[in-house]
C-alpha atoms as a PDB file:
ATOM      1  CA  MET A   1     -57.968-106.684 224.988  1.00  0.00           C
ATOM      2  CA  ASP A   2     -55.121-108.945 226.054  1.00  0.00           C
ATOM      3  CA  ARG A   3     -56.664-112.152 227.406  1.00  0.00           C
ATOM      4  CA  ASN A   4     -53.833-112.486 229.942  1.00  0.00           C
ATOM      5  CA  HIS A   5     -54.635-109.198 231.705  1.00  0.00           C
ATOM      6  CA  SER A   6     -57.578-107.963 233.705  1.00  0.00           C
ATOM      7  CA  PRO A   7     -59.726-105.059 232.439  1.00  0.00           C
ATOM      8  CA  ALA A   8     -58.106-102.818 235.045  1.00  0.00           C
ATOM      9  CA  ASP A   9     -54.622-103.730 233.800  1.00  0.00           C
ATOM     10  CA  SER A  10     -55.648-103.013 230.221  1.00  0.00           C
ATOM     11  CA  ARG A  11     -57.148 -99.649 231.102  1.00  0.00           C
ATOM     12  CA  ASP A  12     -54.001 -98.694 232.985  1.00  0.00           C
ATOM     13  CA  ARG A  13     -51.848 -99.729 230.063  1.00  0.00           C
ATOM     14  CA  VAL A  14     -53.704 -97.685 227.449  1.00  0.00           C
ATOM     15  CA  SER A  15     -53.781 -94.746 229.846  1.00  0.00           C
ATOM     16  CA  ARG A  16     -50.005 -94.853 230.146  1.00  0.00           C
ATOM     17  CA  LEU A  17     -49.685 -95.090 226.384  1.00  0.00           C
ATOM     18  CA  ARG A  18     -51.897 -92.085 225.858  1.00  0.00           C
ATOM     19  CA  LEU A  19     -49.877 -90.005 228.271  1.00  0.00           C
ATOM     20  CA  LEU A  20     -46.671 -90.841 226.462  1.00  0.00           C
ATOM     21  CA  LEU A  21     -48.254 -89.688 223.237  1.00  0.00           C
ATOM     22  CA  ILE A  22     -49.448 -86.529 224.953  1.00  0.00           C
ATOM     23  CA  GLY A  23     -45.843 -85.728 225.691  1.00  0.00           C
ATOM     24  CA  LEU A  24     -44.747 -86.718 222.211  1.00  0.00           C
ATOM     25  CA  MET A  25     -47.247 -84.597 220.320  1.00  0.00           C
ATOM     26  CA  ALA A  26     -46.976 -81.630 222.656  1.00  0.00           C
ATOM     27  CA  GLY A  27     -43.231 -81.806 222.238  1.00  0.00           C
ATOM     28  CA  MET A  28     -43.627 -81.930 218.476  1.00  0.00           C
ATOM     29  CA  LEU A  29     -45.791 -78.832 218.623  1.00  0.00           C
ATOM     30  CA  ILE A  30     -43.273 -77.135 220.857  1.00  0.00           C
ATOM     31  CA  SER A  31     -40.521 -77.923 218.387  1.00  0.00           C
ATOM     32  CA  CYS A  32     -42.455 -75.817 215.853  1.00  0.00           C
ATOM     33  CA  MET A  33     -43.715 -73.070 218.103  1.00  0.00           C
ATOM     34  CA  PRO A  34     -42.252 -72.819 221.609  1.00  0.00           C
ATOM     35  CA  THR A  35     -44.277 -70.111 223.297  1.00  0.00           C
ATOM     36  CA  PHE A  36     -41.240 -68.039 224.219  1.00  0.00           C
ATOM     37  CA  LEU A  37     -39.823 -68.170 220.705  1.00  0.00           C
ATOM     38  CA  TYR A  38     -43.263 -67.591 219.221  1.00  0.00           C
ATOM     39  CA  ARG A  39     -43.360 -64.184 220.853  1.00  0.00           C
ATOM     40  CA  HIS A  40     -40.078 -63.306 219.109  1.00  0.00           C
ATOM     41  CA  ALA A  41     -40.657 -65.224 215.879  1.00  0.00           C
ATOM     42  CA  ASP A  42     -40.579 -62.135 213.653  1.00  0.00           C
ATOM     43  CA  ARG A  43     -37.015 -61.292 214.649  1.00  0.00           C
ATOM     44  CA  LEU A  44     -35.846 -64.897 214.581  1.00  0.00           C
ATOM     45  CA  VAL A  45     -37.319 -65.628 211.150  1.00  0.00           C
ATOM     46  CA  LEU A  46     -35.915 -62.381 209.742  1.00  0.00           C
ATOM     47  CA  TRP A  47     -32.486 -63.288 211.097  1.00  0.00           C
ATOM     48  CA  LYS A  48     -32.659 -66.757 209.545  1.00  0.00           C
ATOM     49  CA  ILE A  49     -33.753 -65.495 206.127  1.00  0.00           C
ATOM     50  CA  ASP A  50     -31.053 -62.841 206.173  1.00  0.00           C
ATOM     51  CA  GLU A  51     -28.454 -65.490 207.010  1.00  0.00           C
ATOM     52  CA  TYR A  52     -29.213 -67.348 203.784  1.00  0.00           C
ATOM     53  CA  VAL A  53     -30.107 -64.460 201.453  1.00  0.00           C
ATOM     54  CA  ASP A  54     -28.249 -61.350 202.682  1.00  0.00           C
ATOM     55  CA  LEU A  55     -31.333 -59.148 202.474  1.00  0.00           C
ATOM     56  CA  THR A  56     -31.291 -55.558 201.338  1.00  0.00           C
ATOM     57  CA  ALA A  57     -32.625 -52.819 203.624  1.00  0.00           C
ATOM     58  CA  ASP A  58     -35.922 -52.649 201.678  1.00  0.00           C
ATOM     59  CA  GLN A  59     -36.319 -56.434 201.780  1.00  0.00           C
ATOM     60  CA  LYS A  60     -35.788 -56.420 205.544  1.00  0.00           C
ATOM     61  CA  VAL A  61     -38.529 -53.828 205.955  1.00  0.00           C
ATOM     62  CA  PHE A  62     -40.870 -55.939 203.824  1.00  0.00           C
ATOM     63  CA  VAL A  63     -40.129 -59.163 205.710  1.00  0.00           C
ATOM     64  CA  ARG A  64     -40.414 -57.494 209.106  1.00  0.00           C
ATOM     65  CA  THR A  65     -43.748 -55.879 208.245  1.00  0.00           C
ATOM     66  CA  ARG A  66     -45.290 -58.967 206.700  1.00  0.00           C
ATOM     67  CA  LEU A  67     -44.106 -61.240 209.503  1.00  0.00           C
ATOM     68  CA  LYS A  68     -45.788 -58.982 212.036  1.00  0.00           C
ATOM     69  CA  ASP A  69     -49.084 -59.224 210.144  1.00  0.00           C
ATOM     70  CA  LEU A  70     -48.753 -62.967 209.500  1.00  0.00           C
ATOM     71  CA  LEU A  71     -48.066 -63.720 213.150  1.00  0.00           C
ATOM     72  CA  ALA A  72     -51.070 -61.660 214.211  1.00  0.00           C
ATOM     73  CA  GLN A  73     -53.264 -63.579 211.769  1.00  0.00           C
ATOM     74  CA  HIS A  74     -51.750 -66.902 212.854  1.00  0.00           C
ATOM     75  CA  ARG A  75     -52.300 -66.118 216.511  1.00  0.00           C
ATOM     76  CA  LYS A  76     -55.950 -65.338 215.858  1.00  0.00           C
ATOM     77  CA  GLY A  77     -56.751 -68.080 213.334  1.00  0.00           C
ATOM     78  CA  ALA A  78     -54.378 -70.975 214.015  1.00  0.00           C
ATOM     79  CA  LEU A  79     -53.382 -70.942 217.690  1.00  0.00           C
ATOM     80  CA  PRO A  80     -56.959 -71.661 218.845  1.00  0.00           C
ATOM     81  CA  VAL A  81     -56.753 -74.826 216.716  1.00  0.00           C
ATOM     82  CA  TYR A  82     -53.471 -75.749 218.417  1.00  0.00           C
ATOM     83  CA  GLU A  83     -55.097 -75.200 221.792  1.00  0.00           C
ATOM     84  CA  ARG A  84     -58.108 -77.380 220.927  1.00  0.00           C
ATOM     85  CA  PHE A  85     -55.816 -80.103 219.614  1.00  0.00           C
ATOM     86  CA  LEU A  86     -53.847 -80.219 222.853  1.00  0.00           C
ATOM     87  CA  MET A  87     -57.065 -80.200 224.866  1.00  0.00           C
ATOM     88  CA  GLN A  88     -58.387 -83.118 222.799  1.00  0.00           C
ATOM     89  CA  ILE A  89     -55.239 -85.089 223.541  1.00  0.00           C
ATOM     90  CA  LYS A  90     -55.619 -84.452 227.240  1.00  0.00           C
ATOM     91  CA  GLU A  91     -59.338 -85.247 227.253  1.00  0.00           C
ATOM     92  CA  ARG A  92     -58.832 -88.540 225.429  1.00  0.00           C
ATOM     93  CA  SER A  93     -56.149 -89.614 227.906  1.00  0.00           C
ATOM     94  CA  ALA A  94     -58.853 -90.776 230.303  1.00  0.00           C
ATOM     95  CA  ASP A  95     -60.513 -93.395 228.104  1.00  0.00           C
ATOM     96  CA  GLY A  96     -57.766 -95.363 226.382  1.00  0.00           C
ATOM     97  CA  LEU A  97     -55.896 -95.101 223.104  1.00  0.00           C
ATOM     98  CA  ASP A  98     -55.549 -97.248 220.012  1.00  0.00           C
ATOM     99  CA  ARG A  99     -53.261 -97.140 216.977  1.00  0.00           C
ATOM    100  CA  GLN A 100     -55.783 -95.126 214.984  1.00  0.00           C
ATOM    101  CA  GLU A 101     -55.587 -92.364 217.556  1.00  0.00           C
ATOM    102  CA  VAL A 102     -51.813 -92.413 217.391  1.00  0.00           C
ATOM    103  CA  ASP A 103     -52.061 -91.992 213.634  1.00  0.00           C
ATOM    104  CA  TRP A 104     -54.590 -89.198 214.167  1.00  0.00           C
ATOM    105  CA  MET A 105     -52.141 -87.304 216.353  1.00  0.00           C
ATOM    106  CA  PHE A 106     -49.384 -87.562 213.772  1.00  0.00           C
ATOM    107  CA  SER A 107     -51.639 -86.652 210.860  1.00  0.00           C
ATOM    108  CA  THR A 108     -53.132 -83.689 212.716  1.00  0.00           C
ATOM    109  CA  TYR A 109     -49.645 -82.400 213.423  1.00  0.00           C
ATOM    110  CA  GLU A 110     -48.911 -82.588 209.681  1.00  0.00           C
ATOM    111  CA  GLN A 111     -52.099 -80.652 208.949  1.00  0.00           C
ATOM    112  CA  LEU A 112     -51.070 -77.910 211.360  1.00  0.00           C
ATOM    113  CA  ARG A 113     -47.648 -77.801 209.769  1.00  0.00           C
ATOM    114  CA  ALA A 114     -49.148 -77.545 206.271  1.00  0.00           C
ATOM    115  CA  ASP A 115     -51.452 -74.735 207.413  1.00  0.00           C
ATOM    116  CA  LEU A 116     -48.466 -72.793 208.750  1.00  0.00           C
ATOM    117  CA  PHE A 117     -46.528 -73.194 205.510  1.00  0.00           C
ATOM    118  CA  GLY A 118     -49.546 -72.302 203.404  1.00  0.00           C
ATOM    119  CA  ARG A 119     -49.864 -68.966 205.181  1.00  0.00           C
ATOM    120  CA  ILE A 120     -46.396 -67.817 204.119  1.00  0.00           C
ATOM    121  CA  VAL A 121     -46.675 -68.677 200.413  1.00  0.00           C
ATOM    122  CA  PRO A 122     -48.055 -65.352 199.030  1.00  0.00           C
ATOM    123  CA  ASP A 123     -45.504 -63.180 200.818  1.00  0.00           C
ATOM    124  CA  GLY A 124     -42.795 -65.730 200.103  1.00  0.00           C
ATOM    125  CA  ALA A 125     -43.485 -65.342 196.408  1.00  0.00           C
ATOM    126  CA  VAL A 126     -43.137 -61.549 196.670  1.00  0.00           C
ATOM    127  CA  LEU A 127     -39.794 -61.876 198.445  1.00  0.00           C
ATOM    128  CA  VAL A 128     -38.461 -64.514 196.055  1.00  0.00           C
ATOM    129  CA  SER A 129     -39.412 -62.401 193.048  1.00  0.00           C
ATOM    130  CA  SER A 130     -37.251 -59.571 194.439  1.00  0.00           C
ATOM    131  CA  LEU A 131     -34.059 -61.625 194.812  1.00  0.00           C
ATOM    132  CA  THR A 132     -31.117 -60.564 192.681  1.00  0.00           C
ATOM    133  CA  ASP A 133     -28.755 -62.920 190.886  1.00  0.00           C
ATOM    134  CA  GLN A 134     -26.120 -62.067 193.470  1.00  0.00           C
ATOM    135  CA  GLN A 135     -28.460 -63.057 196.318  1.00  0.00           C
ATOM    136  CA  VAL A 136     -29.285 -66.347 194.597  1.00  0.00           C
ATOM    137  CA  ARG A 137     -25.571 -67.123 194.269  1.00  0.00           C
ATOM    138  CA  TYR A 138     -25.119 -66.256 197.940  1.00  0.00           C
ATOM    139  CA  MET A 139     -27.950 -68.627 198.849  1.00  0.00           C
ATOM    140  CA  GLU A 140     -26.352 -71.405 196.793  1.00  0.00           C
ATOM    141  CA  HIS A 141     -23.108 -70.803 198.696  1.00  0.00           C
ATOM    142  CA  MET A 142     -24.927 -71.117 202.035  1.00  0.00           C
ATOM    143  CA  PHE A 143     -26.641 -74.311 200.905  1.00  0.00           C
ATOM    144  CA  GLN A 144     -23.256 -75.722 199.978  1.00  0.00           C
ATOM    145  CA  ARG A 145     -22.007 -74.816 203.444  1.00  0.00           C
ATOM    146  CA  ASP A 146     -24.865 -76.820 204.956  1.00  0.00           C
ATOM    147  CA  GLN A 147     -24.004 -79.828 202.819  1.00  0.00           C
ATOM    148  CA  GLU A 148     -20.332 -79.730 203.794  1.00  0.00           C
ATOM    149  CA  LYS A 149     -21.260 -79.487 207.467  1.00  0.00           C
ATOM    150  CA  ALA A 150     -23.567 -82.480 207.145  1.00  0.00           C
ATOM    151  CA  TRP A 151     -20.931 -84.553 205.368  1.00  0.00           C
ATOM    152  CA  ARG A 152     -18.468 -83.853 208.176  1.00  0.00           C
ATOM    153  CA  LYS A 153     -21.036 -85.120 210.651  1.00  0.00           C
ATOM    154  CA  LEU A 154     -21.557 -88.252 208.584  1.00  0.00           C
ATOM    155  CA  LYS A 155     -17.845 -89.019 208.840  1.00  0.00           C
ATOM    156  CA  GLU A 156     -18.110 -89.173 212.627  1.00  0.00           C
ATOM    157  CA  ASP A 157     -18.299 -92.521 214.391  1.00  0.00           C
ATOM    158  CA  ARG A 158     -21.820 -93.864 213.796  1.00  0.00           C
ATOM    159  CA  ASP A 159     -22.275 -95.381 217.261  1.00  0.00           C
ATOM    160  CA  ALA A 160     -21.136 -92.165 218.938  1.00  0.00           C
ATOM    161  CA  ARG A 161     -23.545 -90.154 216.804  1.00  0.00           C
ATOM    162  CA  LEU A 162     -26.483 -92.447 217.582  1.00  0.00           C
ATOM    163  CA  SER A 163     -25.531 -92.417 221.263  1.00  0.00           C
ATOM    164  CA  ARG A 164     -25.816 -88.624 221.266  1.00  0.00           C
ATOM    165  CA  ARG A 165     -29.205 -88.967 219.620  1.00  0.00           C
ATOM    166  CA  ALA A 166     -30.268 -91.364 222.366  1.00  0.00           C
ATOM    167  CA  SER A 167     -29.058 -88.965 225.068  1.00  0.00           C
ATOM    168  CA  THR A 168     -31.015 -86.127 223.487  1.00  0.00           C
ATOM    169  CA  THR A 169     -34.130 -88.310 223.391  1.00  0.00           C
ATOM    170  CA  LEU A 170     -33.713 -89.255 227.033  1.00  0.00           C
ATOM    171  CA  ASP A 171     -33.228 -85.616 228.063  1.00  0.00           C
ATOM    172  CA  TRP A 172     -36.450 -84.696 226.251  1.00  0.00           C
ATOM    173  CA  LEU A 173     -38.327 -87.534 227.950  1.00  0.00           C
ATOM    174  CA  LYS A 174     -36.972 -86.498 231.358  1.00  0.00           C
ATOM    175  CA  ASP A 175     -38.301 -83.014 230.743  1.00  0.00           C
ATOM    176  CA  TRP A 176     -41.765 -84.351 229.978  1.00  0.00           C
ATOM    177  CA  PHE A 177     -42.029 -87.272 232.382  1.00  0.00           C
ATOM    178  CA  GLY A 178     -39.583 -86.528 235.165  1.00  0.00           C
ATOM    179  CA  PRO A 179     -36.751 -88.759 236.411  1.00  0.00           C
ATOM    180  CA  TRP A 180     -36.272 -92.268 234.975  1.00  0.00           C
ATOM    181  CA  THR A 181     -34.816 -95.262 236.752  1.00  0.00           C
ATOM    182  CA  LYS A 182     -31.526 -96.720 235.539  1.00  0.00           C
ATOM    183  CA  ASP A 183     -33.376 -99.633 233.973  1.00  0.00           C
ATOM    184  CA  GLN A 184     -35.735 -97.282 232.193  1.00  0.00           C
ATOM    185  CA  GLN A 185     -32.858 -95.160 230.940  1.00  0.00           C
ATOM    186  CA  GLN A 186     -31.031 -98.189 229.619  1.00  0.00           C
ATOM    187  CA  ARG A 187     -34.111 -99.463 227.815  1.00  0.00           C
ATOM    188  CA  ILE A 188     -34.845 -96.060 226.272  1.00  0.00           C
ATOM    189  CA  LYS A 189     -31.264 -95.833 225.048  1.00  0.00           C
ATOM    190  CA  GLU A 190     -31.542 -99.286 223.481  1.00  0.00           C
ATOM    191  CA  LEU A 191     -34.779 -98.325 221.742  1.00  0.00           C
ATOM    192  CA  SER A 192     -33.317 -95.090 220.433  1.00  0.00           C
ATOM    193  CA  MET A 193     -30.130 -96.764 219.206  1.00  0.00           C
ATOM    194  CA  ALA A 194     -32.303 -99.251 217.299  1.00  0.00           C
ATOM    195  CA  LEU A 195     -34.099 -96.515 215.359  1.00  0.00           C
ATOM    196  CA  PRO A 196     -33.012 -96.134 211.727  1.00  0.00           C
ATOM    197  CA  ASP A 197     -29.990 -93.954 211.048  1.00  0.00           C
ATOM    198  CA  LEU A 198     -31.312 -91.463 208.503  1.00  0.00           C
ATOM    199  CA  LEU A 199     -28.427 -88.988 208.384  1.00  0.00           C
ATOM    200  CA  ALA A 200     -27.140 -90.014 204.946  1.00  0.00           C
ATOM    201  CA  VAL A 201     -30.554 -90.179 203.311  1.00  0.00           C
ATOM    202  CA  ARG A 202     -31.578 -86.894 204.940  1.00  0.00           C
ATOM    203  CA  MET A 203     -28.420 -85.237 203.633  1.00  0.00           C
ATOM    204  CA  GLU A 204     -29.155 -86.377 200.114  1.00  0.00           C
ATOM    205  CA  TYR A 205     -32.747 -85.235 200.385  1.00  0.00           C
ATOM    206  CA  GLN A 206     -31.751 -81.853 201.795  1.00  0.00           C
ATOM    207  CA  GLY A 207     -29.517 -81.313 198.773  1.00  0.00           C
ATOM    208  CA  HIS A 208     -32.379 -82.382 196.531  1.00  0.00           C
ATOM    209  CA  ARG A 209     -34.773 -79.903 198.170  1.00  0.00           C
ATOM    210  CA  GLN A 210     -32.284 -77.061 198.034  1.00  0.00           C
ATOM    211  CA  HIS A 211     -31.707 -77.712 194.332  1.00  0.00           C
ATOM    212  CA  GLU A 212     -35.472 -77.663 193.754  1.00  0.00           C
ATOM    213  CA  PHE A 213     -35.762 -74.334 195.546  1.00  0.00           C
ATOM    214  CA  ILE A 214     -32.980 -72.747 193.511  1.00  0.00           C
ATOM    215  CA  GLN A 215     -34.731 -73.918 190.343  1.00  0.00           C
ATOM    216  CA  ILE A 216     -37.969 -72.272 191.506  1.00  0.00           C
ATOM    217  CA  VAL A 217     -36.191 -69.019 192.307  1.00  0.00           C
ATOM    218  CA  GLN A 218     -34.467 -68.938 188.912  1.00  0.00           C
ATOM    219  CA  SER A 219     -37.508 -70.028 186.884  1.00  0.00           C
ATOM    220  CA  THR A 220     -39.523 -66.800 186.805  1.00  0.00           C
ATOM    221  CA  LYS A 221     -40.205 -63.431 188.408  1.00  0.00           C
ATOM    222  CA  ASP A 222     -43.969 -63.797 188.014  1.00  0.00           C
ATOM    223  CA  ARG A 223     -45.389 -63.776 191.533  1.00  0.00           C
ATOM    224  CA  GLN A 224     -48.451 -65.874 190.777  1.00  0.00           C
ATOM    225  CA  THR A 225     -46.350 -68.591 189.161  1.00  0.00           C
ATOM    226  CA  LEU A 226     -43.859 -68.437 192.005  1.00  0.00           C
ATOM    227  CA  ALA A 227     -46.675 -68.742 194.567  1.00  0.00           C
ATOM    228  CA  GLY A 228     -47.919 -71.919 192.893  1.00  0.00           C
ATOM    229  CA  SER A 229     -44.435 -73.422 192.759  1.00  0.00           C
ATOM    230  CA  LEU A 230     -43.668 -72.493 196.364  1.00  0.00           C
ATOM    231  CA  GLN A 231     -46.950 -73.905 197.598  1.00  0.00           C
ATOM    232  CA  HIS A 232     -46.274 -77.219 195.883  1.00  0.00           C
ATOM    233  CA  TRP A 233     -42.679 -77.270 197.162  1.00  0.00           C
ATOM    234  CA  LEU A 234     -43.702 -76.538 200.757  1.00  0.00           C
ATOM    235  CA  LEU A 235     -46.946 -78.489 201.088  1.00  0.00           C
ATOM    236  CA  PHE A 236     -46.325 -81.541 198.919  1.00  0.00           C
ATOM    237  CA  PRO A 237     -42.625 -82.412 199.271  1.00  0.00           C
ATOM    238  CA  GLU A 238     -43.326 -86.150 199.098  1.00  0.00           C
ATOM    239  CA  GLN A 239     -44.456 -85.836 195.463  1.00  0.00           C
ATOM    240  CA  THR A 240     -40.922 -85.109 194.289  1.00  0.00           C
ATOM    241  CA  ALA A 241     -39.008 -86.928 197.029  1.00  0.00           C
ATOM    242  CA  PRO A 242     -36.838 -89.864 195.891  1.00  0.00           C
ATOM    243  CA  PRO A 243     -38.461 -93.270 196.568  1.00  0.00           C
ATOM    244  CA  ASP A 244     -35.628 -94.279 198.915  1.00  0.00           C
ATOM    245  CA  TYR A 245     -36.264 -91.211 201.062  1.00  0.00           C
ATOM    246  CA  ARG A 246     -40.031 -91.771 201.211  1.00  0.00           C
ATOM    247  CA  HIS A 247     -39.455 -95.378 202.241  1.00  0.00           C
ATOM    248  CA  ALA A 248     -36.911 -94.373 204.898  1.00  0.00           C
ATOM    249  CA  ILE A 249     -39.221 -91.765 206.424  1.00  0.00           C
ATOM    250  CA  GLU A 250     -42.139 -94.177 206.489  1.00  0.00           C
ATOM    251  CA  HIS A 251     -39.935 -96.765 208.189  1.00  0.00           C
ATOM    252  CA  MET A 252     -38.751 -94.236 210.765  1.00  0.00           C
ATOM    253  CA  THR A 253     -42.291 -93.030 211.503  1.00  0.00           C
ATOM    254  CA  ASN A 254     -43.517 -96.559 212.113  1.00  0.00           C
ATOM    255  CA  ALA A 255     -40.464 -97.317 214.250  1.00  0.00           C
ATOM    256  CA  VAL A 256     -41.069 -94.227 216.393  1.00  0.00           C
ATOM    257  CA  LYS A 257     -44.693 -95.215 216.912  1.00  0.00           C
ATOM    258  CA  GLU A 258     -43.623 -98.673 218.046  1.00  0.00           C
ATOM    259  CA  MET A 259     -41.046 -97.104 220.345  1.00  0.00           C
ATOM    260  CA  ILE A 260     -43.811 -95.015 221.883  1.00  0.00           C
ATOM    261  CA  LEU A 261     -45.878 -98.117 222.551  1.00  0.00           C
ATOM    262  CA  THR A 262     -42.918 -99.845 224.166  1.00  0.00           C
ATOM    263  CA  ILE A 263     -41.898 -96.942 226.386  1.00  0.00           C
ATOM    264  CA  ASP A 264     -45.492 -96.526 227.490  1.00  0.00           C
ATOM    265  CA  ARG A 265     -45.321 -99.796 229.385  1.00  0.00           C
ATOM    266  CA  MET A 266     -42.582 -98.343 231.586  1.00  0.00           C
ATOM    267  CA  ILE A 267     -44.377 -95.184 232.690  1.00  0.00           C
ATOM    268  CA  THR A 268     -45.148 -94.891 236.395  1.00  0.00           C
ATOM    269  CA  VAL A 269     -48.042 -93.096 238.053  1.00  0.00           C
ATOM    270  CA  GLN A 270     -45.710 -90.246 239.007  1.00  0.00           C
ATOM    271  CA  GLN A 271     -44.354 -89.925 235.479  1.00  0.00           C
ATOM    272  CA  ARG A 272     -47.885 -89.900 234.090  1.00  0.00           C
ATOM    273  CA  ALA A 273     -48.877 -87.099 236.490  1.00  0.00           C
ATOM    274  CA  HIS A 274     -45.768 -85.125 235.530  1.00  0.00           C
ATOM    275  CA  ALA A 275     -46.675 -85.348 231.831  1.00  0.00           C
ATOM    276  CA  LEU A 276     -50.278 -84.275 232.415  1.00  0.00           C
ATOM    277  CA  ALA A 277     -49.201 -81.280 234.467  1.00  0.00           C
ATOM    278  CA  LYS A 278     -46.697 -80.218 231.821  1.00  0.00           C
ATOM    279  CA  LEU A 279     -49.270 -80.612 229.080  1.00  0.00           C
ATOM    280  CA  GLN A 280     -51.703 -78.402 230.985  1.00  0.00           C
ATOM    281  CA  ARG A 281     -49.017 -75.736 231.332  1.00  0.00           C
ATOM    282  CA  LEU A 282     -48.511 -75.857 227.574  1.00  0.00           C
ATOM    283  CA  ILE A 283     -52.248 -75.479 227.000  1.00  0.00           C
ATOM    284  CA  ASP A 284     -52.273 -72.515 229.382  1.00  0.00           C
ATOM    285  CA  ASP A 285     -49.320 -70.929 227.562  1.00  0.00           C
ATOM    286  CA  VAL A 286     -50.969 -71.330 224.165  1.00  0.00           C
ATOM    287  CA  HIS A 287     -54.220 -69.920 225.556  1.00  0.00           C
ATOM    288  CA  ALA A 288     -52.312 -66.910 226.892  1.00  0.00           C
ATOM    289  CA  LEU A 289     -50.898 -66.312 223.418  1.00  0.00           C
ATOM    290  CA  VAL A 290     -54.382 -66.565 221.903  1.00  0.00           C
ATOM    291  CA  THR A 291     -55.889 -64.040 224.314  1.00  0.00           C
ATOM    292  CA  SER A 292     -52.956 -61.620 224.491  1.00  0.00           C
END
């Protein structure tokens, strides 16, 4: 406890911090599974795969059928875990928060992400084993398109690009916490602008990951071998990531956590109430998906 503050001040401070993290982690979950998009995930995922592979009619039938089954299994087996996680965050908001709990929230999110990826591996191996040489070349072409698009973005003015990132961050925070004062907005923009600029290193890593995937696709048609390679590629990307990328991501993660702690000190009672109400709506939405 800070010796310069009363116990009441300290409790209020950690409560504000916890509520900021509630918004952060709920938002992170939403970025992976917004409830509206979740209900239409089979069509959206099929569309995205087709964009990069140019699926045949039979492959589309396979993907559509398996996605329907996978989503049903995920809704039954995984969404209750999501719901409990969000409820835990809300419950713990009443009794303070320390750095270990912040780390717990981030690590739990990664576990949920790994579980989601792990569920798609067997069917992913079946699909990959069916790809023709022409489809692999098409996929390489689409990957190259992504790289060229990213390089064009990198050529843009850095300050303008980071300013857009700051505006996006502020818009997200407004959605979760309600209106911010001008002073709060200015401080949030400063904090966001100070975060590391990872565009170049992310671009290089994206190319690295795409190259790894092409190698997996071209290595074999054996589904069991492909499943093992895909699982490693999806669940343990850090094991083959370049050291510079791993260092950059670790630096960014720590910087974001410190930004959370700083912004927490600015949260008002009204903003805290707004975040709690929004979190409860998310919990209700996830529960509705579980029981539907």
